[in-house]
Amino acid sequence: MRYREPFTVFARNTHSGKTIYYYRTYDTEGNRTTARSTGQTGKSAAKAYCWSLLKQERLIPSRDLSFAEYATDWWLYDKCRYIKSRLARGGSFSRMHADIQRMNLKKHILTVFGEKPLGNIKS
C-alpha cells in the first residue's frame, strides 16, 4: 500500500490575485475534510505550518464540539464575532436585531440542532 501524508496542501487565488495555500486532512473513514487556510503564500511554508500543527495534535480539529457550544456567543451583541467584524468594516448592526436573531436561534435552531456534533450537520 502506498504511503499517504496526513494532509494535502494546495493553492487558491484570492480576488486580489494573491495565492494562499490551504490544506485538507482525512477523517477516520478516509474521506477528505473541508479545506482550511494555512495563511501562507509559499508551498514549503504551508507544509511546515501543517507539520507543526500535526506535532501539536491540532491539524484535525476535534469533532466533539456540539452546535450549542459553537453558538454560545452567537448573536450576543458584545461577544459575537460576526457582529464585531461587521461593525469593524464600517457596517451597522442594531442591538434589537441581534436580540431578535438570538431569540430565533434559541427557539427554532438550538431545539433541533443543539446537541448534534458540528461534523454531523449536513445541508
PDB file of N, CA and C in Angstrom:
ATOM      1  N   MET A   1       0.837  -1.172   0.000  1.00  0.00           N
ATOM      2  CA  MET A   1       0.000   0.000   0.000  1.00  0.00           C
ATOM      3  C   MET A   1       0.889   1.245   0.000  1.00  0.00           C
ATOM      4  N   ARG A   2       0.499   2.220  -0.758  1.00  0.00           N
ATOM      5  CA  ARG A   2       1.278   3.434  -0.908  1.00  0.00           C
ATOM      6  C   ARG A   2       1.139   4.337   0.315  1.00  0.00           C
ATOM      7  N   TYR A   3       2.228   4.996   0.715  1.00  0.00           N
ATOM      8  CA  TYR A   3       2.215   5.935   1.841  1.00  0.00           C
ATOM      9  C   TYR A   3       1.468   7.202   1.446  1.00  0.00           C
ATOM     10  N   ARG A   4       0.639   7.673   2.344  1.00  0.00           N
ATOM     11  CA  ARG A   4      -0.080   8.929   2.111  1.00  0.00           C
ATOM     12  C   ARG A   4       0.161   9.845   3.291  1.00  0.00           C
ATOM     13  N   GLU A   5       0.578  11.079   2.984  1.00  0.00           N
ATOM     14  CA  GLU A   5       0.782  12.048   4.055  1.00  0.00           C
ATOM     15  C   GLU A   5      -0.551  12.342   4.728  1.00  0.00           C
ATOM     16  N   PRO A   6      -0.526  12.782   5.986  1.00  0.00           N
ATOM     17  CA  PRO A   6      -1.777  13.035   6.707  1.00  0.00           C
ATOM     18  C   PRO A   6      -2.528  14.276   6.227  1.00  0.00           C
ATOM     19  N   PHE A   7      -1.959  15.002   5.272  1.00  0.00           N
ATOM     20  CA  PHE A   7      -2.616  16.210   4.753  1.00  0.00           C
ATOM     21  C   PHE A   7      -2.195  16.432   3.305  1.00  0.00           C
ATOM     22  N   THR A   8      -2.978  17.242   2.608  1.00  0.00           N
ATOM     23  CA  THR A   8      -2.677  17.650   1.247  1.00  0.00           C
ATOM     24  C   THR A   8      -2.670  19.168   1.208  1.00  0.00           C
ATOM     25  N   VAL A   9      -1.645  19.756   0.601  1.00  0.00           N
ATOM     26  CA  VAL A   9      -1.521  21.208   0.501  1.00  0.00           C
ATOM     27  C   VAL A   9      -1.777  21.619  -0.949  1.00  0.00           C
ATOM     28  N   PHE A  10      -2.575  22.667  -1.132  1.00  0.00           N
ATOM     29  CA  PHE A  10      -2.859  23.161  -2.471  1.00  0.00           C
ATOM     30  C   PHE A  10      -3.086  24.673  -2.436  1.00  0.00           C
ATOM     31  N   ALA A  11      -2.972  25.307  -3.592  1.00  0.00           N
ATOM     32  CA  ALA A  11      -3.072  26.766  -3.694  1.00  0.00           C
ATOM     33  C   ALA A  11      -4.462  27.186  -4.141  1.00  0.00           C
ATOM     34  N   ARG A  12      -4.874  28.358  -3.650  1.00  0.00           N
ATOM     35  CA  ARG A  12      -6.089  29.023  -4.125  1.00  0.00           C
ATOM     36  C   ARG A  12      -5.749  30.490  -4.321  1.00  0.00           C
ATOM     37  N   ASN A  13      -6.322  31.078  -5.349  1.00  0.00           N
ATOM     38  CA  ASN A  13      -6.095  32.500  -5.617  1.00  0.00           C
ATOM     39  C   ASN A  13      -7.237  33.314  -5.015  1.00  0.00           C
ATOM     40  N   THR A  14      -6.881  34.410  -4.356  1.00  0.00           N
ATOM     41  CA  THR A  14      -7.888  35.308  -3.799  1.00  0.00           C
ATOM     42  C   THR A  14      -8.361  36.264  -4.883  1.00  0.00           C
ATOM     43  N   HIS A  15      -9.367  37.059  -4.569  1.00  0.00           N
ATOM     44  CA  HIS A  15      -9.891  38.021  -5.536  1.00  0.00           C
ATOM     45  C   HIS A  15      -8.848  39.067  -5.916  1.00  0.00           C
ATOM     46  N   SER A  16      -7.940  39.346  -4.999  1.00  0.00           N
ATOM     47  CA  SER A  16      -6.901  40.344  -5.287  1.00  0.00           C
ATOM     48  C   SER A  16      -5.754  39.768  -6.112  1.00  0.00           C
ATOM     49  N   GLY A  17      -5.783  38.461  -6.371  1.00  0.00           N
ATOM     50  CA  GLY A  17      -4.738  37.834  -7.162  1.00  0.00           C
ATOM     51  C   GLY A  17      -3.646  37.185  -6.325  1.00  0.00           C
ATOM     52  N   LYS A  18      -3.718  37.313  -5.008  1.00  0.00           N
ATOM     53  CA  LYS A  18      -2.725  36.722  -4.113  1.00  0.00           C
ATOM     54  C   LYS A  18      -2.985  35.218  -3.988  1.00  0.00           C
ATOM     55  N   THR A  19      -1.934  34.435  -3.907  1.00  0.00           N
ATOM     56  CA  THR A  19      -2.059  32.989  -3.759  1.00  0.00           C
ATOM     57  C   THR A  19      -1.881  32.611  -2.293  1.00  0.00           C
ATOM     58  N   ILE A  20      -2.852  31.903  -1.756  1.00  0.00           N
ATOM     59  CA  ILE A  20      -2.818  31.406  -0.381  1.00  0.00           C
ATOM     60  C   ILE A  20      -2.912  29.888  -0.428  1.00  0.00           C
ATOM     61  N   TYR A  21      -2.145  29.225   0.405  1.00  0.00           N
ATOM     62  CA  TYR A  21      -2.160  27.769   0.445  1.00  0.00           C
ATOM     63  C   TYR A  21      -3.118  27.264   1.522  1.00  0.00           C
ATOM     64  N   TYR A  22      -3.854  26.227   1.163  1.00  0.00           N
ATOM     65  CA  TYR A  22      -4.817  25.573   2.042  1.00  0.00           C
ATOM     66  C   TYR A  22      -4.389  24.130   2.239  1.00  0.00           C
ATOM     67  N   TYR A  23      -4.972  23.483   3.251  1.00  0.00           N
ATOM     68  CA  TYR A  23      -4.699  22.068   3.447  1.00  0.00           C
ATOM     69  C   TYR A  23      -5.993  21.312   3.714  1.00  0.00           C
ATOM     70  N   ARG A  24      -5.963  20.045   3.368  1.00  0.00           N
ATOM     71  CA  ARG A  24      -7.066  19.132   3.652  1.00  0.00           C
ATOM     72  C   ARG A  24      -6.485  17.939   4.384  1.00  0.00           C
ATOM     73  N   THR A  25      -7.282  17.405   5.296  1.00  0.00           N
ATOM     74  CA  THR A  25      -6.895  16.204   6.017  1.00  0.00           C
ATOM     75  C   THR A  25      -7.887  15.099   5.668  1.00  0.00           C
ATOM     76  N   TYR A  26      -7.747  13.979   6.316  1.00  0.00           N
ATOM     77  CA  TYR A  26      -8.637  12.846   6.088  1.00  0.00           C
ATOM     78  C   TYR A  26      -9.271  12.450   7.414  1.00  0.00           C
ATOM     79  N   ASP A  27     -10.563  12.157   7.376  1.00  0.00           N
ATOM     80  CA  ASP A  27     -11.236  11.744   8.605  1.00  0.00           C
ATOM     81  C   ASP A  27     -10.971  10.265   8.871  1.00  0.00           C
ATOM     82  N   THR A  28     -11.590   9.726   9.901  1.00  0.00           N
ATOM     83  CA  THR A  28     -11.340   8.340  10.303  1.00  0.00           C
ATOM     84  C   THR A  28     -11.790   7.333   9.254  1.00  0.00           C
ATOM     85  N   GLU A  29     -12.697   7.747   8.362  1.00  0.00           N
ATOM     86  CA  GLU A  29     -13.182   6.851   7.315  1.00  0.00           C
ATOM     87  C   GLU A  29     -12.406   6.992   6.013  1.00  0.00           C
ATOM     88  N   GLY A  30     -11.400   7.875   5.991  1.00  0.00           N
ATOM     89  CA  GLY A  30     -10.578   8.068   4.813  1.00  0.00           C
ATOM     90  C   GLY A  30     -11.094   9.123   3.856  1.00  0.00           C
ATOM     91  N   ASN A  31     -12.156   9.823   4.219  1.00  0.00           N
ATOM     92  CA  ASN A  31     -12.703  10.883   3.371  1.00  0.00           C
ATOM     93  C   ASN A  31     -11.973  12.196   3.629  1.00  0.00           C
ATOM     94  N   ARG A  32     -11.849  13.000   2.567  1.00  0.00           N
ATOM     95  CA  ARG A  32     -11.204  14.304   2.731  1.00  0.00           C
ATOM     96  C   ARG A  32     -12.107  15.241   3.509  1.00  0.00           C
ATOM     97  N   THR A  33     -11.491  16.079   4.344  1.00  0.00           N
ATOM     98  CA  THR A  33     -12.245  17.052   5.131  1.00  0.00           C
ATOM     99  C   THR A  33     -12.268  18.392   4.395  1.00  0.00           C
ATOM    100  N   THR A  34     -12.961  19.344   4.971  1.00  0.00           N
ATOM    101  CA  THR A  34     -13.049  20.683   4.403  1.00  0.00           C
ATOM    102  C   THR A  34     -11.672  21.344   4.400  1.00  0.00           C
ATOM    103  N   ALA A  35     -11.419  22.122   3.368  1.00  0.00           N
ATOM    104  CA  ALA A  35     -10.134  22.823   3.258  1.00  0.00           C
ATOM    105  C   ALA A  35     -10.024  23.913   4.317  1.00  0.00           C
ATOM    106  N   ARG A  36      -8.827  24.049   4.865  1.00  0.00           N
ATOM    107  CA  ARG A  36      -8.545  25.080   5.867  1.00  0.00           C
ATOM    108  C   ARG A  36      -7.332  25.873   5.414  1.00  0.00           C
ATOM    109  N   SER A  37      -7.370  27.159   5.664  1.00  0.00           N
ATOM    110  CA  SER A  37      -6.288  28.035   5.229  1.00  0.00           C
ATOM    111  C   SER A  37      -5.075  27.888   6.142  1.00  0.00           C
ATOM    112  N   THR A  38      -3.901  27.916   5.523  1.00  0.00           N
ATOM    113  CA  THR A  38      -2.669  27.956   6.303  1.00  0.00           C
ATOM    114  C   THR A  38      -2.242  29.400   6.515  1.00  0.00           C
ATOM    115  N   GLY A  39      -2.741  30.295   5.675  1.00  0.00           N
ATOM    116  CA  GLY A  39      -2.342  31.697   5.748  1.00  0.00           C
ATOM    117  C   GLY A  39      -0.983  31.948   5.119  1.00  0.00           C
ATOM    118  N   GLN A  40      -0.407  30.928   4.515  1.00  0.00           N
ATOM    119  CA  GLN A  40       0.935  31.023   3.931  1.00  0.00           C
ATOM    120  C   GLN A  40       0.844  31.276   2.434  1.00  0.00           C
ATOM    121  N   THR A  41       1.855  31.967   1.890  1.00  0.00           N
ATOM    122  CA  THR A  41       1.878  32.249   0.458  1.00  0.00           C
ATOM    123  C   THR A  41       2.856  31.349  -0.298  1.00  0.00           C
ATOM    124  N   GLY A  42       3.621  30.549   0.415  1.00  0.00           N
ATOM    125  CA  GLY A  42       4.549  29.616  -0.212  1.00  0.00           C
ATOM    126  C   GLY A  42       4.214  28.188   0.168  1.00  0.00           C
ATOM    127  N   LYS A  43       4.421  27.247  -0.757  1.00  0.00           N
ATOM    128  CA  LYS A  43       4.069  25.853  -0.511  1.00  0.00           C
ATOM    129  C   LYS A  43       4.915  25.229   0.600  1.00  0.00           C
ATOM    130  N   SER A  44       6.203  25.507   0.618  1.00  0.00           N
ATOM    131  CA  SER A  44       7.053  24.919   1.653  1.00  0.00           C
ATOM    132  C   SER A  44       6.698  25.474   3.037  1.00  0.00           C
ATOM    133  N   ALA A  45       6.360  26.748   3.114  1.00  0.00           N
ATOM    134  CA  ALA A  45       5.938  27.342   4.384  1.00  0.00           C
ATOM    135  C   ALA A  45       4.607  26.749   4.833  1.00  0.00           C
ATOM    136  N   ALA A  46       3.717  26.481   3.888  1.00  0.00           N
ATOM    137  CA  ALA A  46       2.423  25.883   4.205  1.00  0.00           C
ATOM    138  C   ALA A  46       2.602  24.465   4.738  1.00  0.00           C
ATOM    139  N   LYS A  47       3.506  23.698   4.113  1.00  0.00           N
ATOM    140  CA  LYS A  47       3.770  22.336   4.598  1.00  0.00           C
ATOM    141  C   LYS A  47       4.395  22.358   5.991  1.00  0.00           C
ATOM    142  N   ALA A  48       5.314  23.288   6.220  1.00  0.00           N
ATOM    143  CA  ALA A  48       5.932  23.411   7.541  1.00  0.00           C
ATOM    144  C   ALA A  48       4.878  23.761   8.587  1.00  0.00           C
ATOM    145  N   TYR A  49       3.946  24.625   8.229  1.00  0.00           N
ATOM    146  CA  TYR A  49       2.851  25.002   9.122  1.00  0.00           C
ATOM    147  C   TYR A  49       2.000  23.769   9.465  1.00  0.00           C
ATOM    148  N   CYS A  50       1.682  22.967   8.459  1.00  0.00           N
ATOM    149  CA  CYS A  50       0.874  21.761   8.687  1.00  0.00           C
ATOM    150  C   CYS A  50       1.611  20.748   9.563  1.00  0.00           C
ATOM    151  N   TRP A  51       2.914  20.574   9.333  1.00  0.00           N
ATOM    152  CA  TRP A  51       3.679  19.634  10.154  1.00  0.00           C
ATOM    153  C   TRP A  51       3.732  20.112  11.609  1.00  0.00           C
ATOM    154  N   SER A  52       3.832  21.422  11.813  1.00  0.00           N
ATOM    155  CA  SER A  52       3.848  21.926  13.195  1.00  0.00           C
ATOM    156  C   SER A  52       2.488  21.716  13.856  1.00  0.00           C
ATOM    157  N   LEU A  53       1.409  21.898  13.094  1.00  0.00           N
ATOM    158  CA  LEU A  53       0.075  21.619  13.642  1.00  0.00           C
ATOM    159  C   LEU A  53      -0.075  20.142  13.990  1.00  0.00           C
ATOM    160  N   LEU A  54       0.474  19.287  13.134  1.00  0.00           N
ATOM    161  CA  LEU A  54       0.392  17.842  13.374  1.00  0.00           C
ATOM    162  C   LEU A  54       1.140  17.460  14.652  1.00  0.00           C
ATOM    163  N   LYS A  55       2.317  18.056  14.867  1.00  0.00           N
ATOM    164  CA  LYS A  55       3.088  17.774  16.080  1.00  0.00           C
ATOM    165  C   LYS A  55       2.350  18.225  17.332  1.00  0.00           C
ATOM    166  N   GLN A  56       1.574  19.336  17.215  1.00  0.00           N
ATOM    167  CA  GLN A  56       0.809  19.854  18.346  1.00  0.00           C
ATOM    168  C   GLN A  56      -0.552  19.169  18.486  1.00  0.00           C
ATOM    169  N   GLU A  57      -0.825  18.216  17.573  1.00  0.00           N
ATOM    170  CA  GLU A  57      -2.108  17.494  17.524  1.00  0.00           C
ATOM    171  C   GLU A  57      -3.283  18.449  17.314  1.00  0.00           C
ATOM    172  N   ARG A  58      -3.051  19.476  16.482  1.00  0.00           N
ATOM    173  CA  ARG A  58      -4.100  20.438  16.169  1.00  0.00           C
ATOM    174  C   ARG A  58      -4.422  20.468  14.679  1.00  0.00           C
ATOM    175  N   LEU A  59      -3.883  19.529  13.914  1.00  0.00           N
ATOM    176  CA  LEU A  59      -4.114  19.511  12.472  1.00  0.00           C
ATOM    177  C   LEU A  59      -5.570  19.195  12.151  1.00  0.00           C
ATOM    178  N   ILE A  60      -6.115  18.205  12.817  1.00  0.00           N
ATOM    179  CA  ILE A  60      -7.507  17.824  12.619  1.00  0.00           C
ATOM    180  C   ILE A  60      -8.299  18.326  13.813  1.00  0.00           C
ATOM    181  N   PRO A  61      -9.199  19.289  13.603  1.00  0.00           N
ATOM    182  CA  PRO A  61      -9.972  19.821  14.725  1.00  0.00           C
ATOM    183  C   PRO A  61     -10.878  18.758  15.324  1.00  0.00           C
ATOM    184  N   SER A  62     -11.124  18.878  16.597  1.00  0.00           N
ATOM    185  CA  SER A  62     -11.985  17.937  17.292  1.00  0.00           C
ATOM    186  C   SER A  62     -13.417  18.081  16.796  1.00  0.00           C
ATOM    187  N   ARG A  63     -14.069  16.961  16.545  1.00  0.00           N
ATOM    188  CA  ARG A  63     -15.459  16.979  16.091  1.00  0.00           C
ATOM    189  C   ARG A  63     -16.426  16.841  17.257  1.00  0.00           C
ATOM    190  N   ASP A  64     -15.936  16.897  18.474  1.00  0.00           N
ATOM    191  CA  ASP A  64     -16.788  16.728  19.629  1.00  0.00           C
ATOM    192  C   ASP A  64     -17.606  17.975  19.949  1.00  0.00           C
ATOM    193  N   LEU A  65     -17.316  19.085  19.310  1.00  0.00           N
ATOM    194  CA  LEU A  65     -17.997  20.337  19.576  1.00  0.00           C
ATOM    195  C   LEU A  65     -19.440  20.257  19.087  1.00  0.00           C
ATOM    196  N   SER A  66     -20.387  20.514  19.981  1.00  0.00           N
ATOM    197  CA  SER A  66     -21.802  20.489  19.586  1.00  0.00           C
ATOM    198  C   SER A  66     -22.191  21.843  19.010  1.00  0.00           C
ATOM    199  N   PHE A  67     -23.318  21.863  18.311  1.00  0.00           N
ATOM    200  CA  PHE A  67     -23.787  23.113  17.733  1.00  0.00           C
ATOM    201  C   PHE A  67     -24.078  24.133  18.821  1.00  0.00           C
ATOM    202  N   ALA A  68     -24.621  23.686  19.951  1.00  0.00           N
ATOM    203  CA  ALA A  68     -24.926  24.597  21.059  1.00  0.00           C
ATOM    204  C   ALA A  68     -23.649  25.240  21.603  1.00  0.00           C
ATOM    205  N   GLU A  69     -22.569  24.464  21.705  1.00  0.00           N
ATOM    206  CA  GLU A  69     -21.296  25.009  22.174  1.00  0.00           C
ATOM    207  C   GLU A  69     -20.738  26.012  21.162  1.00  0.00           C
ATOM    208  N   TYR A  70     -20.883  25.693  19.886  1.00  0.00           N
ATOM    209  CA  TYR A  70     -20.404  26.584  18.835  1.00  0.00           C
ATOM    210  C   TYR A  70     -21.170  27.908  18.847  1.00  0.00           C
ATOM    211  N   ALA A  71     -22.468  27.843  19.126  1.00  0.00           N
ATOM    212  CA  ALA A  71     -23.322  29.034  19.060  1.00  0.00           C
ATOM    213  C   ALA A  71     -23.461  29.751  20.395  1.00  0.00           C
ATOM    214  N   THR A  72     -22.606  29.461  21.355  1.00  0.00           N
ATOM    215  CA  THR A  72     -22.708  30.055  22.689  1.00  0.00           C
ATOM    216  C   THR A  72     -22.774  31.575  22.642  1.00  0.00           C
ATOM    217  N   ASP A  73     -21.880  32.216  21.915  1.00  0.00           N
ATOM    218  CA  ASP A  73     -21.835  33.681  21.867  1.00  0.00           C
ATOM    219  C   ASP A  73     -22.495  34.263  20.619  1.00  0.00           C
ATOM    220  N   TRP A  74     -23.077  33.401  19.786  1.00  0.00           N
ATOM    221  CA  TRP A  74     -23.641  33.871  18.536  1.00  0.00           C
ATOM    222  C   TRP A  74     -24.854  34.756  18.794  1.00  0.00           C
ATOM    223  N   TRP A  75     -24.891  35.894  18.133  1.00  0.00           N
ATOM    224  CA  TRP A  75     -25.925  36.920  18.223  1.00  0.00           C
ATOM    225  C   TRP A  75     -25.934  37.668  19.548  1.00  0.00           C
ATOM    226  N   LEU A  76     -24.952  37.468  20.418  1.00  0.00           N
ATOM    227  CA  LEU A  76     -24.808  38.311  21.611  1.00  0.00           C
ATOM    228  C   LEU A  76     -24.012  39.533  21.167  1.00  0.00           C
ATOM    229  N   TYR A  77     -24.610  40.691  21.269  1.00  0.00           N
ATOM    230  CA  TYR A  77     -24.094  41.897  20.621  1.00  0.00           C
ATOM    231  C   TYR A  77     -22.632  42.187  20.950  1.00  0.00           C
ATOM    232  N   ASP A  78     -22.229  42.064  22.195  1.00  0.00           N
ATOM    233  CA  ASP A  78     -20.862  42.404  22.587  1.00  0.00           C
ATOM    234  C   ASP A  78     -19.870  41.252  22.429  1.00  0.00           C
ATOM    235  N   LYS A  79     -20.338  40.056  22.087  1.00  0.00           N
ATOM    236  CA  LYS A  79     -19.451  38.899  22.013  1.00  0.00           C
ATOM    237  C   LYS A  79     -19.381  38.242  20.635  1.00  0.00           C
ATOM    238  N   CYS A  80     -20.384  38.396  19.820  1.00  0.00           N
ATOM    239  CA  CYS A  80     -20.476  37.693  18.537  1.00  0.00           C
ATOM    240  C   CYS A  80     -19.396  38.181  17.565  1.00  0.00           C
ATOM    241  N   ARG A  81     -18.578  37.237  17.047  1.00  0.00           N
ATOM    242  CA  ARG A  81     -17.512  37.590  16.114  1.00  0.00           C
ATOM    243  C   ARG A  81     -18.065  38.160  14.816  1.00  0.00           C
ATOM    244  N   TYR A  82     -19.205  37.649  14.367  1.00  0.00           N
ATOM    245  CA  TYR A  82     -19.807  38.148  13.129  1.00  0.00           C
ATOM    246  C   TYR A  82     -20.188  39.621  13.270  1.00  0.00           C
ATOM    247  N   ILE A  83     -20.850  39.961  14.371  1.00  0.00           N
ATOM    248  CA  ILE A  83     -21.274  41.346  14.589  1.00  0.00           C
ATOM    249  C   ILE A  83     -20.053  42.250  14.726  1.00  0.00           C
ATOM    250  N   LYS A  84     -19.043  41.789  15.462  1.00  0.00           N
ATOM    251  CA  LYS A  84     -17.825  42.592  15.628  1.00  0.00           C
ATOM    252  C   LYS A  84     -17.145  42.860  14.289  1.00  0.00           C
ATOM    253  N   SER A  85     -17.052  41.835  13.441  1.00  0.00           N
ATOM    254  CA  SER A  85     -16.391  42.022  12.150  1.00  0.00           C
ATOM    255  C   SER A  85     -17.209  42.936  11.249  1.00  0.00           C
ATOM    256  N   ARG A  86     -18.514  42.815  11.329  1.00  0.00           N
ATOM    257  CA  ARG A  86     -19.385  43.672  10.525  1.00  0.00           C
ATOM    258  C   ARG A  86     -19.229  45.143  10.929  1.00  0.00           C
ATOM    259  N   LEU A  87     -19.181  45.388  12.240  1.00  0.00           N
ATOM    260  CA  LEU A  87     -19.001  46.756  12.726  1.00  0.00           C
ATOM    261  C   LEU A  87     -17.606  47.286  12.396  1.00  0.00           C
ATOM    262  N   ALA A  88     -16.595  46.407  12.467  1.00  0.00           N
ATOM    263  CA  ALA A  88     -15.218  46.822  12.181  1.00  0.00           C
ATOM    264  C   ALA A  88     -15.037  47.238  10.731  1.00  0.00           C
ATOM    265  N   ARG A  89     -15.840  46.666   9.830  1.00  0.00           N
ATOM    266  CA  ARG A  89     -15.754  47.013   8.411  1.00  0.00           C
ATOM    267  C   ARG A  89     -16.601  48.220   8.057  1.00  0.00           C
ATOM    268  N   GLY A  90     -17.173  48.883   9.082  1.00  0.00           N
ATOM    269  CA  GLY A  90     -17.945  50.095   8.835  1.00  0.00           C
ATOM    270  C   GLY A  90     -19.425  49.865   8.634  1.00  0.00           C
ATOM    271  N   GLY A  91     -19.879  48.629   8.788  1.00  0.00           N
ATOM    272  CA  GLY A  91     -21.294  48.326   8.643  1.00  0.00           C
ATOM    273  C   GLY A  91     -22.064  48.681   9.909  1.00  0.00           C
ATOM    274  N   SER A  92     -23.360  48.481   9.849  1.00  0.00           N
ATOM    275  CA  SER A  92     -24.178  48.755  11.028  1.00  0.00           C
ATOM    276  C   SER A  92     -24.894  47.480  11.441  1.00  0.00           C
ATOM    277  N   PHE A  93     -25.186  47.399  12.717  1.00  0.00           N
ATOM    278  CA  PHE A  93     -25.891  46.237  13.254  1.00  0.00           C
ATOM    279  C   PHE A  93     -26.527  46.671  14.567  1.00  0.00           C
ATOM    280  N   SER A  94     -27.836  46.629  14.633  1.00  0.00           N
ATOM    281  CA  SER A  94     -28.507  47.124  15.833  1.00  0.00           C
ATOM    282  C   SER A  94     -28.598  46.038  16.904  1.00  0.00           C
ATOM    283  N   ARG A  95     -28.647  46.482  18.151  1.00  0.00           N
ATOM    284  CA  ARG A  95     -28.810  45.556  19.275  1.00  0.00           C
ATOM    285  C   ARG A  95     -30.150  44.838  19.195  1.00  0.00           C
ATOM    286  N   MET A  96     -31.184  45.545  18.745  1.00  0.00           N
ATOM    287  CA  MET A  96     -32.506  44.952  18.637  1.00  0.00           C
ATOM    288  C   MET A  96     -32.505  43.784  17.649  1.00  0.00           C
ATOM    289  N   HIS A  97     -31.852  43.989  16.498  1.00  0.00           N
ATOM    290  CA  HIS A  97     -31.779  42.913  15.507  1.00  0.00           C
ATOM    291  C   HIS A  97     -31.011  41.708  16.071  1.00  0.00           C
ATOM    292  N   ALA A  98     -29.931  41.981  16.775  1.00  0.00           N
ATOM    293  CA  ALA A  98     -29.157  40.889  17.390  1.00  0.00           C
ATOM    294  C   ALA A  98     -30.004  40.140  18.408  1.00  0.00           C
ATOM    295  N   ASP A  99     -30.779  40.849  19.217  1.00  0.00           N
ATOM    296  CA  ASP A  99     -31.638  40.211  20.218  1.00  0.00           C
ATOM    297  C   ASP A  99     -32.711  39.343  19.563  1.00  0.00           C
ATOM    298  N   ILE A 100     -33.306  39.847  18.496  1.00  0.00           N
ATOM    299  CA  ILE A 100     -34.340  39.074  17.787  1.00  0.00           C
ATOM    300  C   ILE A 100     -33.729  37.813  17.181  1.00  0.00           C
ATOM    301  N   GLN A 101     -32.555  37.946  16.576  1.00  0.00           N
ATOM    302  CA  GLN A 101     -31.898  36.782  15.979  1.00  0.00           C
ATOM    303  C   GLN A 101     -31.484  35.767  17.044  1.00  0.00           C
ATOM    304  N   ARG A 102     -31.075  36.259  18.215  1.00  0.00           N
ATOM    305  CA  ARG A 102     -30.703  35.359  19.310  1.00  0.00           C
ATOM    306  C   ARG A 102     -31.935  34.568  19.777  1.00  0.00           C
ATOM    307  N   MET A 103     -33.096  35.236  19.863  1.00  0.00           N
ATOM    308  CA  MET A 103     -34.329  34.535  20.247  1.00  0.00           C
ATOM    309  C   MET A 103     -34.696  33.475  19.208  1.00  0.00           C
ATOM    310  N   ASN A 104     -34.568  33.813  17.926  1.00  0.00           N
ATOM    311  CA  ASN A 104     -34.848  32.833  16.871  1.00  0.00           C
ATOM    312  C   ASN A 104     -33.901  31.646  16.951  1.00  0.00           C
ATOM    313  N   LEU A 105     -32.638  31.921  17.228  1.00  0.00           N
ATOM    314  CA  LEU A 105     -31.650  30.855  17.382  1.00  0.00           C
ATOM    315  C   LEU A 105     -32.053  29.909  18.507  1.00  0.00           C
ATOM    316  N   LYS A 106     -32.392  30.472  19.658  1.00  0.00           N
ATOM    317  CA  LYS A 106     -32.768  29.649  20.814  1.00  0.00           C
ATOM    318  C   LYS A 106     -34.055  28.869  20.572  1.00  0.00           C
ATOM    319  N   LYS A 107     -35.047  29.545  20.023  1.00  0.00           N
ATOM    320  CA  LYS A 107     -36.373  28.960  19.880  1.00  0.00           C
ATOM    321  C   LYS A 107     -36.476  27.920  18.763  1.00  0.00           C
ATOM    322  N   HIS A 108     -35.822  28.174  17.645  1.00  0.00           N
ATOM    323  CA  HIS A 108     -36.010  27.320  16.480  1.00  0.00           C
ATOM    324  C   HIS A 108     -34.817  26.435  16.130  1.00  0.00           C
ATOM    325  N   ILE A 109     -33.617  26.976  16.219  1.00  0.00           N
ATOM    326  CA  ILE A 109     -32.459  26.236  15.721  1.00  0.00           C
ATOM    327  C   ILE A 109     -31.830  25.361  16.795  1.00  0.00           C
ATOM    328  N   LEU A 110     -31.629  25.911  17.985  1.00  0.00           N
ATOM    329  CA  LEU A 110     -30.994  25.124  19.050  1.00  0.00           C
ATOM    330  C   LEU A 110     -31.859  23.954  19.500  1.00  0.00           C
ATOM    331  N   THR A 111     -33.172  24.091  19.400  1.00  0.00           N
ATOM    332  CA  THR A 111     -34.036  22.975  19.793  1.00  0.00           C
ATOM    333  C   THR A 111     -33.856  21.771  18.878  1.00  0.00           C
ATOM    334  N   VAL A 112     -33.499  22.020  17.624  1.00  0.00           N
ATOM    335  CA  VAL A 112     -33.313  20.928  16.662  1.00  0.00           C
ATOM    336  C   VAL A 112     -31.863  20.456  16.615  1.00  0.00           C
ATOM    337  N   PHE A 113     -30.923  21.403  16.527  1.00  0.00           N
ATOM    338  CA  PHE A 113     -29.520  21.060  16.295  1.00  0.00           C
ATOM    339  C   PHE A 113     -28.625  21.198  17.523  1.00  0.00           C
ATOM    340  N   GLY A 114     -29.141  21.638  18.643  1.00  0.00           N
ATOM    341  CA  GLY A 114     -28.335  21.980  19.801  1.00  0.00           C
ATOM    342  C   GLY A 114     -27.324  20.940  20.239  1.00  0.00           C
ATOM    343  N   GLU A 115     -27.737  19.700  20.380  1.00  0.00           N
ATOM    344  CA  GLU A 115     -26.843  18.663  20.903  1.00  0.00           C
ATOM    345  C   GLU A 115     -26.083  17.898  19.822  1.00  0.00           C
ATOM    346  N   LYS A 116     -26.366  18.179  18.556  1.00  0.00           N
ATOM    347  CA  LYS A 116     -25.684  17.465  17.472  1.00  0.00           C
ATOM    348  C   LYS A 116     -24.263  17.965  17.316  1.00  0.00           C
ATOM    349  N   PRO A 117     -23.316  17.066  17.092  1.00  0.00           N
ATOM    350  CA  PRO A 117     -21.943  17.498  16.803  1.00  0.00           C
ATOM    351  C   PRO A 117     -21.908  18.252  15.466  1.00  0.00           C
ATOM    352  N   LEU A 118     -21.049  19.248  15.375  1.00  0.00           N
ATOM    353  CA  LEU A 118     -20.975  20.049  14.153  1.00  0.00           C
ATOM    354  C   LEU A 118     -20.675  19.204  12.928  1.00  0.00           C
ATOM    355  N   GLY A 119     -19.853  18.202  13.082  1.00  0.00           N
ATOM    356  CA  GLY A 119     -19.484  17.346  11.950  1.00  0.00           C
ATOM    357  C   GLY A 119     -20.627  16.519  11.420  1.00  0.00           C
ATOM    358  N   ASN A 120     -21.691  16.342  12.200  1.00  0.00           N
ATOM    359  CA  ASN A 120     -22.820  15.527  11.756  1.00  0.00           C
ATOM    360  C   ASN A 120     -23.942  16.347  11.117  1.00  0.00           C
ATOM    361  N   ILE A 121     -23.809  17.653  11.071  1.00  0.00           N
ATOM    362  CA  ILE A 121     -24.849  18.503  10.481  1.00  0.00           C
ATOM    363  C   ILE A 121     -24.494  18.711   9.009  1.00  0.00           C
ATOM    364  N   LYS A 122     -25.380  18.290   8.153  1.00  0.00           N
ATOM    365  CA  LYS A 122     -25.175  18.392   6.696  1.00  0.00           C
ATOM    366  C   LYS A 122     -26.289  19.241   6.103  1.00  0.00           C
ATOM    367  N   SER A 123     -26.056  19.745   4.903  1.00  0.00           N
ATOM    368  CA  SER A 123     -27.073  20.561   4.232  1.00  0.00           C
ATOM    369  C   SER A 123     -28.279  19.711   3.908  1.00  0.00           C
TER     370      SER A 123
END
